[in-house]
C-alpha atoms as a PDB file:
ATOM      1  CA  LEU A   1     117.035 307.952  36.828  1.00  0.00           C
ATOM      2  CA  LEU A   2     116.642 309.847  40.670  1.00  0.00           C
ATOM      3  CA  GLY A   3     116.809 306.823  42.405  1.00  0.00           C
ATOM      4  CA  LEU A   4     119.785 305.106  40.875  1.00  0.00           C
ATOM      5  CA  SER A   5     121.791 308.416  40.980  1.00  0.00           C
ATOM      6  CA  MET A   6     120.799 308.821  44.712  1.00  0.00           C
ATOM      7  CA  LEU A   7     122.009 305.168  45.272  1.00  0.00           C
ATOM      8  CA  LEU A   8     124.979 305.392  43.406  1.00  0.00           C
ATOM      9  CA  SER A   9     125.831 309.113  45.112  1.00  0.00           C
ATOM     10  CA  ILE A  10     125.185 307.236  48.739  1.00  0.00           C
ATOM     11  CA  ARG A  11     126.808 303.903  48.018  1.00  0.00           C
ATOM     12  CA  PRO A  12     129.800 304.950  46.146  1.00  0.00           C
ATOM     13  CA  TYR A  13     132.435 302.067  45.540  1.00  0.00           C
ATOM     14  CA  ALA A  14     134.198 301.171  48.110  1.00  0.00           C
ATOM     15  CA  GLY A  15     137.447 299.429  46.771  1.00  0.00           C
ATOM     16  CA  ILE A  16     138.671 295.738  47.795  1.00  0.00           C
ATOM     17  CA  ASN A  17     137.605 296.657  50.965  1.00  0.00           C
ATOM     18  CA  GLN A  18     135.945 294.970  54.173  1.00  0.00           C
ATOM     19  CA  ASP A  19     134.483 291.201  53.250  1.00  0.00           C
ATOM     20  CA  SER A  20     135.499 291.483  49.877  1.00  0.00           C
ATOM     21  CA  ILE A  21     139.532 290.826  50.981  1.00  0.00           C
ATOM     22  CA  LEU A  22     138.075 287.677  52.406  1.00  0.00           C
ATOM     23  CA  TYR A  23     136.265 286.760  48.969  1.00  0.00           C
ATOM     24  CA  LEU A  24     139.493 288.032  46.968  1.00  0.00           C
ATOM     25  CA  GLY A  25     141.576 285.181  48.957  1.00  0.00           C
ATOM     26  CA  GLN A  26     139.128 282.906  48.468  1.00  0.00           C
ATOM     27  CA  ALA A  27     138.958 283.412  44.782  1.00  0.00           C
ATOM     28  CA  MET A  28     142.686 282.984  44.924  1.00  0.00           C
ATOM     29  CA  LEU A  29     142.312 279.925  46.459  1.00  0.00           C
ATOM     30  CA  GLN A  30     140.646 278.599  44.089  1.00  0.00           C
ATOM     31  CA  ARG A  31     142.770 279.661  40.944  1.00  0.00           C
ATOM     32  CA  TRP A  32     145.983 278.835  42.729  1.00  0.00           C
ATOM     33  CA  PRO A  33     145.492 276.263  45.173  1.00  0.00           C
ATOM     34  CA  GLU A  34     148.764 274.905  44.878  1.00  0.00           C
ATOM     35  CA  ILE A  35     150.057 278.092  46.334  1.00  0.00           C
ATOM     36  CA  PHE A  36     147.789 278.831  48.862  1.00  0.00           C
ATOM     37  CA  ALA A  37     145.612 275.745  49.838  1.00  0.00           C
ATOM     38  CA  ALA A  38     148.525 275.437  52.919  1.00  0.00           C
ATOM     39  CA  ASP A  39     147.795 279.089  54.387  1.00  0.00           C
ATOM     40  CA  LEU A  40     146.262 279.035  57.641  1.00  0.00           C
ATOM     41  CA  PHE A  41     143.229 280.910  56.888  1.00  0.00           C
ATOM     42  CA  PHE A  42     142.422 278.503  54.919  1.00  0.00           C
ATOM     43  CA  SER A  43     143.530 275.226  56.330  1.00  0.00           C
ATOM     44  CA  HIS A  44     140.373 274.161  58.341  1.00  0.00           C
ATOM     45  CA  GLY A  45     138.292 275.633  55.684  1.00  0.00           C
ATOM     46  CA  SER A  46     136.112 279.401  55.324  1.00  0.00           C
ATOM     47  CA  GLN A  47     132.882 280.662  54.701  1.00  0.00           C
ATOM     48  CA  GLY A  48     134.133 280.214  50.842  1.00  0.00           C
ATOM     49  CA  ASP A  49     133.209 276.566  51.188  1.00  0.00           C
ATOM     50  CA  TYR A  50     129.725 277.498  51.087  1.00  0.00           C
ATOM     51  CA  THR A  51     128.996 279.475  48.568  1.00  0.00           C
ATOM     52  CA  LEU A  52     129.853 279.860  44.240  1.00  0.00           C
ATOM     53  CA  PHE A  53     131.331 283.426  44.294  1.00  0.00           C
ATOM     54  CA  PRO A  54     134.926 282.747  44.698  1.00  0.00           C
ATOM     55  CA  ARG A  55     134.763 279.887  42.143  1.00  0.00           C
ATOM     56  CA  LEU A  56     132.929 282.513  39.699  1.00  0.00           C
ATOM     57  CA  VAL A  57     135.232 285.474  40.583  1.00  0.00           C
ATOM     58  CA  ALA A  58     138.550 282.859  40.147  1.00  0.00           C
ATOM     59  CA  TRP A  59     137.190 282.351  36.414  1.00  0.00           C
ATOM     60  CA  THR A  60     137.182 286.100  35.889  1.00  0.00           C
ATOM     61  CA  PHE A  61     140.826 286.492  36.336  1.00  0.00           C
ATOM     62  CA  GLY A  62     141.845 285.334  32.810  1.00  0.00           C
ATOM     63  CA  TRP A  63     139.623 287.537  31.178  1.00  0.00           C
ATOM     64  CA  ALA A  64     139.995 290.816  33.503  1.00  0.00           C
ATOM     65  CA  SER A  65     142.193 292.488  36.136  1.00  0.00           C
ATOM     66  CA  THR A  66     141.083 292.108  39.651  1.00  0.00           C
ATOM     67  CA  PRO A  67     140.616 296.044  40.439  1.00  0.00           C
ATOM     68  CA  LYS A  68     138.285 295.913  37.402  1.00  0.00           C
ATOM     69  CA  VAL A  69     136.212 292.793  38.156  1.00  0.00           C
ATOM     70  CA  PHE A  70     135.769 294.257  41.811  1.00  0.00           C
ATOM     71  CA  LEU A  71     134.664 297.439  40.562  1.00  0.00           C
ATOM     72  CA  TRP A  72     132.120 296.350  37.677  1.00  0.00           C
ATOM     73  CA  GLY A  73     130.683 293.409  39.911  1.00  0.00           C
ATOM     74  CA  GLY A  74     130.249 295.743  43.096  1.00  0.00           C
ATOM     75  CA  LEU A  75     128.391 298.089  40.409  1.00  0.00           C
ATOM     76  CA  ALA A  76     126.462 295.197  38.910  1.00  0.00           C
ATOM     77  CA  GLY A  77     125.393 294.280  42.732  1.00  0.00           C
ATOM     78  CA  LEU A  78     124.119 297.247  43.328  1.00  0.00           C
ATOM     79  CA  LEU A  79     122.063 297.745  39.857  1.00  0.00           C
ATOM     80  CA  LEU A  80     120.813 294.255  40.470  1.00  0.00           C
ATOM     81  CA  PHE A  81     119.564 294.761  44.045  1.00  0.00           C
ATOM     82  CA  ALA A  82     117.572 298.208  42.908  1.00  0.00           C
ATOM     83  CA  ALA A  83     116.239 296.495  39.748  1.00  0.00           C
ATOM     84  CA  ALA A  84     115.115 293.723  41.880  1.00  0.00           C
ATOM     85  CA  GLY A  85     113.619 295.612  44.869  1.00  0.00           C
ATOM     86  CA  TRP A  86     111.148 297.614  42.256  1.00  0.00           C
ATOM     87  CA  TYR A  87     110.349 294.004  40.864  1.00  0.00           C
ATOM     88  CA  CYS A  88     109.446 293.306  44.307  1.00  0.00           C
ATOM     89  CA  LEU A  89     107.701 296.375  45.366  1.00  0.00           C
ATOM     90  CA  ARG A  90     105.742 296.782  42.282  1.00  0.00           C
ATOM     91  CA  ALA A  91     104.126 293.400  43.110  1.00  0.00           C
ATOM     92  CA  LEU A  92     103.208 294.804  46.913  1.00  0.00           C
ATOM     93  CA  LEU A  93     102.078 298.102  46.339  1.00  0.00           C
ATOM     94  CA  PRO A  94      99.816 300.440  44.299  1.00  0.00           C
ATOM     95  CA  GLU A  95     101.556 302.483  41.524  1.00  0.00           C
ATOM     96  CA  ARG A  96     101.766 305.556  43.262  1.00  0.00           C
ATOM     97  CA  GLN A  97     103.133 304.640  46.614  1.00  0.00           C
ATOM     98  CA  LEU A  98     105.680 302.027  44.566  1.00  0.00           C
ATOM     99  CA  TYR A  99     108.240 304.494  43.959  1.00  0.00           C
ATOM    100  CA  TRP A 100     108.470 306.158  47.511  1.00  0.00           C
ATOM    101  CA  ALA A 101     109.196 302.804  48.935  1.00  0.00           C
ATOM    102  CA  TRP A 102     111.757 302.342  46.435  1.00  0.00           C
ATOM    103  CA  LEU A 103     113.346 305.709  46.819  1.00  0.00           C
ATOM    104  CA  GLY A 104     113.093 304.360  50.876  1.00  0.00           C
ATOM    105  CA  VAL A 105     114.648 301.276  50.337  1.00  0.00           C
ATOM    106  CA  LEU A 106     117.608 302.415  48.141  1.00  0.00           C
ATOM    107  CA  CYS A 107     118.273 305.926  50.364  1.00  0.00           C
ATOM    108  CA  LEU A 108     117.112 305.241  53.953  1.00  0.00           C
ATOM    109  CA  PRO A 109     119.641 303.583  56.275  1.00  0.00           C
ATOM    110  CA  THR A 110     120.476 300.291  55.659  1.00  0.00           C
ATOM    111  CA  MET A 111     122.448 298.705  58.463  1.00  0.00           C
ATOM    112  CA  TYR A 112     121.030 296.219  61.072  1.00  0.00           C
ATOM    113  CA  GLY A 113     122.355 293.895  63.367  1.00  0.00           C
ATOM    114  CA  MET A 114     125.256 294.914  66.110  1.00  0.00           C
ATOM    115  CA  ALA A 115     125.759 298.516  66.577  1.00  0.00           C
ATOM    116  CA  GLY A 116     125.049 298.827  62.847  1.00  0.00           C
ATOM    117  CA  MET A 117     127.958 296.310  61.411  1.00  0.00           C
ATOM    118  CA  PHE A 118     126.156 294.814  58.512  1.00  0.00           C
ATOM    119  CA  GLY A 119     124.074 296.705  55.456  1.00  0.00           C
ATOM    120  CA  TYR A 120     122.090 295.542  52.772  1.00  0.00           C
ATOM    121  CA  HIS A 121     123.508 296.534  48.854  1.00  0.00           C
ATOM    122  CA  GLU A 122     126.913 296.972  50.434  1.00  0.00           C
ATOM    123  CA  PRO A 123     128.854 298.960  48.148  1.00  0.00           C
ATOM    124  CA  PHE A 124     131.534 296.712  47.365  1.00  0.00           C
ATOM    125  CA  PHE A 125     131.545 293.264  45.589  1.00  0.00           C
ATOM    126  CA  THR A 126     130.782 290.195  47.278  1.00  0.00           C
ATOM    127  CA  PRO A 127     128.016 287.363  47.271  1.00  0.00           C
ATOM    128  CA  ARG A 128     125.402 289.219  49.554  1.00  0.00           C
ATOM    129  CA  PRO A 129     124.192 292.028  47.200  1.00  0.00           C
ATOM    130  CA  VAL A 130     123.529 289.194  44.685  1.00  0.00           C
ATOM    131  CA  ALA A 131     122.031 287.190  47.319  1.00  0.00           C
ATOM    132  CA  GLU A 132     119.400 289.426  48.767  1.00  0.00           C
ATOM    133  CA  ALA A 133     118.748 290.608  44.943  1.00  0.00           C
ATOM    134  CA  LEU A 134     117.386 286.698  44.033  1.00  0.00           C
ATOM    135  CA  CYS A 135     115.863 286.746  47.263  1.00  0.00           C
ATOM    136  CA  LEU A 136     113.840 289.835  46.681  1.00  0.00           C
ATOM    137  CA  LEU A 137     112.956 288.450  43.010  1.00  0.00           C
ATOM    138  CA  CYS A 138     111.774 285.191  45.032  1.00  0.00           C
ATOM    139  CA  ILE A 139     109.403 287.343  47.176  1.00  0.00           C
ATOM    140  CA  GLY A 140     108.051 289.351  44.405  1.00  0.00           C
ATOM    141  CA  LEU A 141     107.240 285.947  42.200  1.00  0.00           C
ATOM    142  CA  LEU A 142     105.523 284.460  45.245  1.00  0.00           C
ATOM    143  CA  ALA A 143     103.486 287.626  45.521  1.00  0.00           C
ATOM    144  CA  ARG A 144     102.488 287.198  42.222  1.00  0.00           C
ATOM    145  CA  GLU A 145     102.349 283.176  42.461  1.00  0.00           C
ATOM    146  CA  ARG A 146     104.917 282.255  40.425  1.00  0.00           C
ATOM    147  CA  TRP A 147     106.090 279.297  42.690  1.00  0.00           C
ATOM    148  CA  LEU A 148     108.832 277.119  40.917  1.00  0.00           C
ATOM    149  CA  PRO A 149     110.574 280.559  39.360  1.00  0.00           C
ATOM    150  CA  ALA A 150     110.192 282.168  43.012  1.00  0.00           C
ATOM    151  CA  ILE A 151     111.676 278.433  44.690  1.00  0.00           C
ATOM    152  CA  ALA A 152     114.484 278.220  42.093  1.00  0.00           C
ATOM    153  CA  CYS A 153     115.882 282.394  42.697  1.00  0.00           C
ATOM    154  CA  LEU A 154     115.872 281.327  46.445  1.00  0.00           C
ATOM    155  CA  ALA A 155     117.768 278.197  45.527  1.00  0.00           C
ATOM    156  CA  LEU A 156     120.254 280.051  43.644  1.00  0.00           C
ATOM    157  CA  ALA A 157     120.753 282.894  46.394  1.00  0.00           C
ATOM    158  CA  THR A 158     121.509 279.843  48.524  1.00  0.00           C
ATOM    159  CA  LEU A 159     124.227 279.022  46.577  1.00  0.00           C
ATOM    160  CA  PHE A 160     125.666 282.505  46.179  1.00  0.00           C
ATOM    161  CA  HIS A 161     125.433 283.366  50.495  1.00  0.00           C
ATOM    162  CA  PRO A 162     122.713 280.736  52.162  1.00  0.00           C
ATOM    163  CA  LEU A 163     122.764 282.846  55.406  1.00  0.00           C
ATOM    164  CA  GLN A 164     120.613 285.590  53.765  1.00  0.00           C
ATOM    165  CA  ALA A 165     118.567 283.159  51.890  1.00  0.00           C
ATOM    166  CA  ILE A 166     117.669 281.283  55.103  1.00  0.00           C
ATOM    167  CA  ALA A 167     116.875 284.729  56.504  1.00  0.00           C
ATOM    168  CA  ALA A 168     114.417 284.930  53.572  1.00  0.00           C
ATOM    169  CA  ALA A 169     113.449 281.431  54.231  1.00  0.00           C
ATOM    170  CA  LEU A 170     112.103 282.519  57.677  1.00  0.00           C
ATOM    171  CA  ILE A 171     110.090 285.457  56.352  1.00  0.00           C
ATOM    172  CA  ALA A 172     108.634 283.569  53.016  1.00  0.00           C
ATOM    173  CA  TRP A 173     107.580 280.821  55.316  1.00  0.00           C
ATOM    174  CA  PRO A 174     105.630 282.757  57.429  1.00  0.00           C
ATOM    175  CA  TRP A 175     103.725 284.404  54.399  1.00  0.00           C
ATOM    176  CA  VAL A 176     102.774 280.877  52.427  1.00  0.00           C
ATOM    177  CA  VAL A 177     101.340 279.568  56.022  1.00  0.00           C
ATOM    178  CA  MET A 178      99.174 282.634  56.268  1.00  0.00           C
ATOM    179  CA  ARG A 179      97.724 281.849  52.698  1.00  0.00           C
ATOM    180  CA  ASP A 180      97.511 277.821  53.307  1.00  0.00           C
ATOM    181  CA  ARG A 181      97.962 276.260  56.658  1.00  0.00           C
ATOM    182  CA  ARG A 182      98.932 272.843  55.168  1.00  0.00           C
ATOM    183  CA  TRP A 183     102.592 274.936  54.428  1.00  0.00           C
ATOM    184  CA  LEU A 184     102.749 274.294  58.603  1.00  0.00           C
ATOM    185  CA  HIS A 185     103.826 270.606  57.858  1.00  0.00           C
ATOM    186  CA  ALA A 186     107.276 271.619  56.419  1.00  0.00           C
ATOM    187  CA  ALA A 187     108.391 271.780  60.083  1.00  0.00           C
ATOM    188  CA  TRP A 188     108.498 268.349  59.774  1.00  0.00           C
ATOM    189  CA  SER A 189     111.680 269.022  57.713  1.00  0.00           C
ATOM    190  CA  ILE A 190     113.360 269.204  61.161  1.00  0.00           C
ATOM    191  CA  ILE A 191     113.126 265.411  61.405  1.00  0.00           C
ATOM    192  CA  PRO A 192     115.928 264.149  59.033  1.00  0.00           C
ATOM    193  CA  LEU A 193     118.128 267.327  59.956  1.00  0.00           C
ATOM    194  CA  VAL A 194     118.101 265.758  63.280  1.00  0.00           C
ATOM    195  CA  ALA A 195     118.719 262.660  62.146  1.00  0.00           C
ATOM    196  CA  LEU A 196     121.734 263.960  60.596  1.00  0.00           C
ATOM    197  CA  ALA A 197     123.252 265.759  63.524  1.00  0.00           C
ATOM    198  CA  ILE A 198     122.702 262.459  65.606  1.00  0.00           C
ATOM    199  CA  ALA A 199     124.612 260.423  62.602  1.00  0.00           C
ATOM    200  CA  GLY A 200     127.541 262.829  63.580  1.00  0.00           C
ATOM    201  CA  VAL A 201     127.329 264.223  60.024  1.00  0.00           C
ATOM    202  CA  SER A 202     129.169 267.395  59.280  1.00  0.00           C
ATOM    203  CA  PRO A 203     127.773 270.044  59.722  1.00  0.00           C
ATOM    204  CA  PHE A 204     124.988 269.535  61.562  1.00  0.00           C
ATOM    205  CA  ASP A 205     126.325 267.514  63.813  1.00  0.00           C
ATOM    206  CA  GLY A 206     127.034 270.960  65.313  1.00  0.00           C
ATOM    207  CA  LEU A 207     123.153 270.869  66.004  1.00  0.00           C
ATOM    208  CA  PHE A 208     123.757 269.375  69.310  1.00  0.00           C
ATOM    209  CA  ARG A 209     127.483 270.733  70.195  1.00  0.00           C
ATOM    210  CA  THR A 210     127.926 273.259  72.747  1.00  0.00           C
ATOM    211  CA  ILE A 211     130.906 275.754  72.571  1.00  0.00           C
ATOM    212  CA  ASP A 212     133.339 274.973  74.932  1.00  0.00           C
ATOM    213  CA  ALA A 213     134.575 278.115  77.103  1.00  0.00           C
ATOM    214  CA  ALA A 214     137.336 279.039  75.690  1.00  0.00           C
ATOM    215  CA  TRP A 215     135.749 278.862  72.052  1.00  0.00           C
ATOM    216  CA  LEU A 216     132.853 280.744  73.733  1.00  0.00           C
ATOM    217  CA  ARG A 217     134.777 283.583  75.083  1.00  0.00           C
ATOM    218  CA  ASP A 218     137.005 283.979  71.490  1.00  0.00           C
ATOM    219  CA  LEU A 219     133.117 284.404  69.943  1.00  0.00           C
ATOM    220  CA  ARG A 220     132.284 287.013  72.208  1.00  0.00           C
ATOM    221  CA  GLU A 221     135.560 289.102  71.843  1.00  0.00           C
ATOM    222  CA  LEU A 222     135.863 288.901  68.271  1.00  0.00           C
ATOM    223  CA  THR A 223     132.715 288.047  66.833  1.00  0.00           C
ATOM    224  CA  GLY A 224     130.229 289.408  69.038  1.00  0.00           C
ATOM    225  CA  GLN A 225     127.196 290.099  66.496  1.00  0.00           C
ATOM    226  CA  LEU A 226     126.547 286.581  67.018  1.00  0.00           C
ATOM    227  CA  PHE A 227     125.151 287.161  70.545  1.00  0.00           C
ATOM    228  CA  LEU A 228     122.091 289.417  70.808  1.00  0.00           C
ATOM    229  CA  THR A 229     123.246 290.091  74.351  1.00  0.00           C
ATOM    230  CA  GLU A 230     126.653 291.659  73.207  1.00  0.00           C
ATOM    231  CA  TRP A 231     124.351 293.866  70.906  1.00  0.00           C
ATOM    232  CA  GLY A 232     124.385 296.904  73.095  1.00  0.00           C
ATOM    233  CA  GLN A 233     121.655 299.714  73.331  1.00  0.00           C
ATOM    234  CA  GLN A 234     122.176 300.883  69.437  1.00  0.00           C
ATOM    235  CA  GLY A 235     121.600 297.474  67.894  1.00  0.00           C
ATOM    236  CA  LEU A 236     118.632 296.495  70.028  1.00  0.00           C
ATOM    237  CA  LEU A 237     116.740 299.598  69.892  1.00  0.00           C
ATOM    238  CA  THR A 238     117.317 299.546  65.819  1.00  0.00           C
ATOM    239  CA  LEU A 239     115.859 296.067  65.915  1.00  0.00           C
ATOM    240  CA  ALA A 240     112.855 297.177  68.279  1.00  0.00           C
ATOM    241  CA  PHE A 241     112.000 300.224  65.467  1.00  0.00           C
ATOM    242  CA  ASP A 242     112.013 297.749  62.608  1.00  0.00           C
ATOM    243  CA  ALA A 243     109.687 295.565  64.631  1.00  0.00           C
ATOM    244  CA  LEU A 244     106.988 298.790  65.431  1.00  0.00           C
ATOM    245  CA  LEU A 245     107.631 299.683  61.748  1.00  0.00           C
ATOM    246  CA  LEU A 246     106.151 296.277  60.978  1.00  0.00           C
ATOM    247  CA  ALA A 247     103.875 296.196  63.132  1.00  0.00           C
ATOM    248  CA  TYR A 248     102.485 299.775  62.618  1.00  0.00           C
ATOM    249  CA  ALA A 249     102.537 299.302  58.597  1.00  0.00           C
ATOM    250  CA  SER A 250     100.625 295.898  58.942  1.00  0.00           C
ATOM    251  CA  TYR A 251      98.016 297.698  60.315  1.00  0.00           C
ATOM    252  CA  LYS A 252      97.841 300.954  58.637  1.00  0.00           C
ATOM    253  CA  LEU A 253      98.732 300.040  54.617  1.00  0.00           C
ATOM    254  CA  GLY A 254      96.481 297.557  52.499  1.00  0.00           C
ATOM    255  CA  ASP A 255      97.428 294.258  51.252  1.00  0.00           C
ATOM    256  CA  PRO A 256      99.701 292.759  49.366  1.00  0.00           C
ATOM    257  CA  PHE A 257     102.173 294.957  51.625  1.00  0.00           C
ATOM    258  CA  ARG A 258     100.045 294.368  55.003  1.00  0.00           C
ATOM    259  CA  THR A 259     100.519 290.500  54.789  1.00  0.00           C
ATOM    260  CA  TRP A 260     103.967 290.453  53.828  1.00  0.00           C
ATOM    261  CA  SER A 261     104.955 292.774  56.759  1.00  0.00           C
ATOM    262  CA  ARG A 262     103.217 290.651  59.059  1.00  0.00           C
ATOM    263  CA  ALA A 263     105.018 287.852  57.753  1.00  0.00           C
ATOM    264  CA  ALA A 264     108.529 290.052  57.913  1.00  0.00           C
ATOM    265  CA  LEU A 265     107.155 290.608  61.823  1.00  0.00           C
ATOM    266  CA  VAL A 266     106.944 286.999  61.959  1.00  0.00           C
ATOM    267  CA  GLY A 267     109.813 285.735  60.836  1.00  0.00           C
ATOM    268  CA  LEU A 268     111.836 288.490  62.661  1.00  0.00           C
ATOM    269  CA  THR A 269     110.299 287.157  65.738  1.00  0.00           C
ATOM    270  CA  LEU A 270     111.165 283.393  64.803  1.00  0.00           C
ATOM    271  CA  GLY A 271     114.732 284.449  64.077  1.00  0.00           C
ATOM    272  CA  ILE A 272     116.022 286.819  66.695  1.00  0.00           C
ATOM    273  CA  GLY A 273     113.910 284.246  69.035  1.00  0.00           C
ATOM    274  CA  ALA A 274     115.649 280.960  67.971  1.00  0.00           C
ATOM    275  CA  ASN A 275     119.128 282.851  68.303  1.00  0.00           C
ATOM    276  CA  LEU A 276     118.388 284.076  71.806  1.00  0.00           C
ATOM    277  CA  ILE A 277     117.874 280.489  72.677  1.00  0.00           C
ATOM    278  CA  LEU A 278     120.023 278.213  71.121  1.00  0.00           C
ATOM    279  CA  VAL A 279     122.924 281.059  70.600  1.00  0.00           C
ATOM    280  CA  ASP A 280     122.692 283.069  73.866  1.00  0.00           C
ATOM    281  CA  TRP A 281     121.506 280.847  76.222  1.00  0.00           C
ATOM    282  CA  LEU A 282     122.166 277.369  74.895  1.00  0.00           C
ATOM    283  CA  HIS A 283     125.207 277.818  73.148  1.00  0.00           C
ATOM    284  CA  LEU A 284     124.870 275.587  70.461  1.00  0.00           C
ATOM    285  CA  ALA A 285     127.486 275.514  67.537  1.00  0.00           C
ATOM    286  CA  LEU A 286     125.452 275.129  64.251  1.00  0.00           C
ATOM    287  CA  PRO A 287     122.568 277.892  65.336  1.00  0.00           C
ATOM    288  CA  ALA A 288     125.341 279.963  66.041  1.00  0.00           C
ATOM    289  CA  GLY A 289     127.338 279.642  62.399  1.00  0.00           C
ATOM    290  CA  LEU A 290     123.732 279.830  61.085  1.00  0.00           C
ATOM    291  CA  GLN A 291     123.057 283.076  62.799  1.00  0.00           C
ATOM    292  CA  LEU A 292     119.318 283.415  62.371  1.00  0.00           C
ATOM    293  CA  TRP A 293     119.559 287.188  63.715  1.00  0.00           C
ATOM    294  CA  ARG A 294     120.367 288.017  60.111  1.00  0.00           C
ATOM    295  CA  VAL A 295     116.628 287.669  59.556  1.00  0.00           C
ATOM    296  CA  GLN A 296     116.699 291.244  60.391  1.00  0.00           C
ATOM    297  CA  TRP A 297     118.226 292.422  56.858  1.00  0.00           C
ATOM    298  CA  LEU A 298     114.764 291.817  55.079  1.00  0.00           C
ATOM    299  CA  GLY A 299     113.002 292.431  57.916  1.00  0.00           C
ATOM    300  CA  HIS A 300     114.732 296.305  57.985  1.00  0.00           C
ATOM    301  CA  TRP A 301     114.263 296.416  54.253  1.00  0.00           C
ATOM    302  CA  PHE A 302     110.210 295.785  54.669  1.00  0.00           C
ATOM    303  CA  ALA A 303     110.557 298.170  57.400  1.00  0.00           C
ATOM    304  CA  MET A 304     112.361 300.836  55.412  1.00  0.00           C
ATOM    305  CA  ALA A 305     109.679 300.457  52.575  1.00  0.00           C
ATOM    306  CA  GLY A 306     107.091 300.732  55.218  1.00  0.00           C
ATOM    307  CA  PHE A 307     108.236 303.890  56.025  1.00  0.00           C
ATOM    308  CA  ALA A 308     108.351 305.523  53.145  1.00  0.00           C
ATOM    309  CA  THR A 309     105.056 304.556  52.305  1.00  0.00           C
ATOM    310  CA  LEU A 310     103.464 305.453  55.534  1.00  0.00           C
ATOM    311  CA  LEU A 311     105.128 309.045  54.645  1.00  0.00           C
ATOM    312  CA  TYR A 312     103.870 309.268  51.293  1.00  0.00           C
ATOM    313  CA  ARG A 313     100.353 308.397  52.878  1.00  0.00           C
ATOM    314  CA  ASP A 314     100.497 310.600  55.237  1.00  0.00           C
ATOM    315  CA  PHE A 315     101.639 313.689  53.260  1.00  0.00           C
ATOM    316  CA  HIS A 316      99.038 313.034  50.784  1.00  0.00           C
ATOM    317  CA  GLN A 317      95.967 313.270  53.692  1.00  0.00           C
ATOM    318  CA  GLN A 318      97.062 316.576  54.602  1.00  0.00           C
END
């Protein structure tokens, strides 16, 4: 009750705001394509093409008013995230440390990325909290060695928000490799992706397509979060703080949280390093769209859980 009360106090409902406005528009497109299909915002596709979320929201239009759908949907997303976090941490930490780690991920700062533009368990209705909760369920299931349900959760998360799910996969893969090095063979999956890119199959053709100068200028001006070199001091310090916390937690805390902290640190390095090389330096279109820097959402979640656990441990050693 304390944890949920703190969560709802810190994350009051923000209304149909920020990205929820965009998803509302995409749901309206699904419900009334004859009206909105010609709108400039949708004429060349949008993020709604890669998620089931607008279709599900459009289905609710005949059952409840839009404000109620977004209000109760936002609340459900927060509660699902909290429940999934508890389930995940219960597999990673001892009983006494579990509660404090859970409070940490609910109450400590959630912001990640450029100048704190993004945060997990948002207080408005988008597919991100749902996908993030499914990713946490996936990790909890992996820690319990329930492989098929874990894969199913990650696949479902991909249907809601593929970018958040890819970020989770970047951390889950190092973890399974640490347990069995044969999982390194999963890297061979890049070969069919390269073949699709060479064949010009969309969107894989963007793997080798360079962003032209005019497009690059617009991206840097309007969506600077795609480029690590645009993050500024605050964003880079937050990233460094997360990395240091993960390294310290992997040194001081016991298994299985220790191993997951190491996996999160490796995944964070893979995602950030790939973004720096492929997007900031080579300016490739598909890697820019994949936003591999989003791996920080789960890395930050593990860092905050580790921070709260370390505080609990240190207080009880006084």
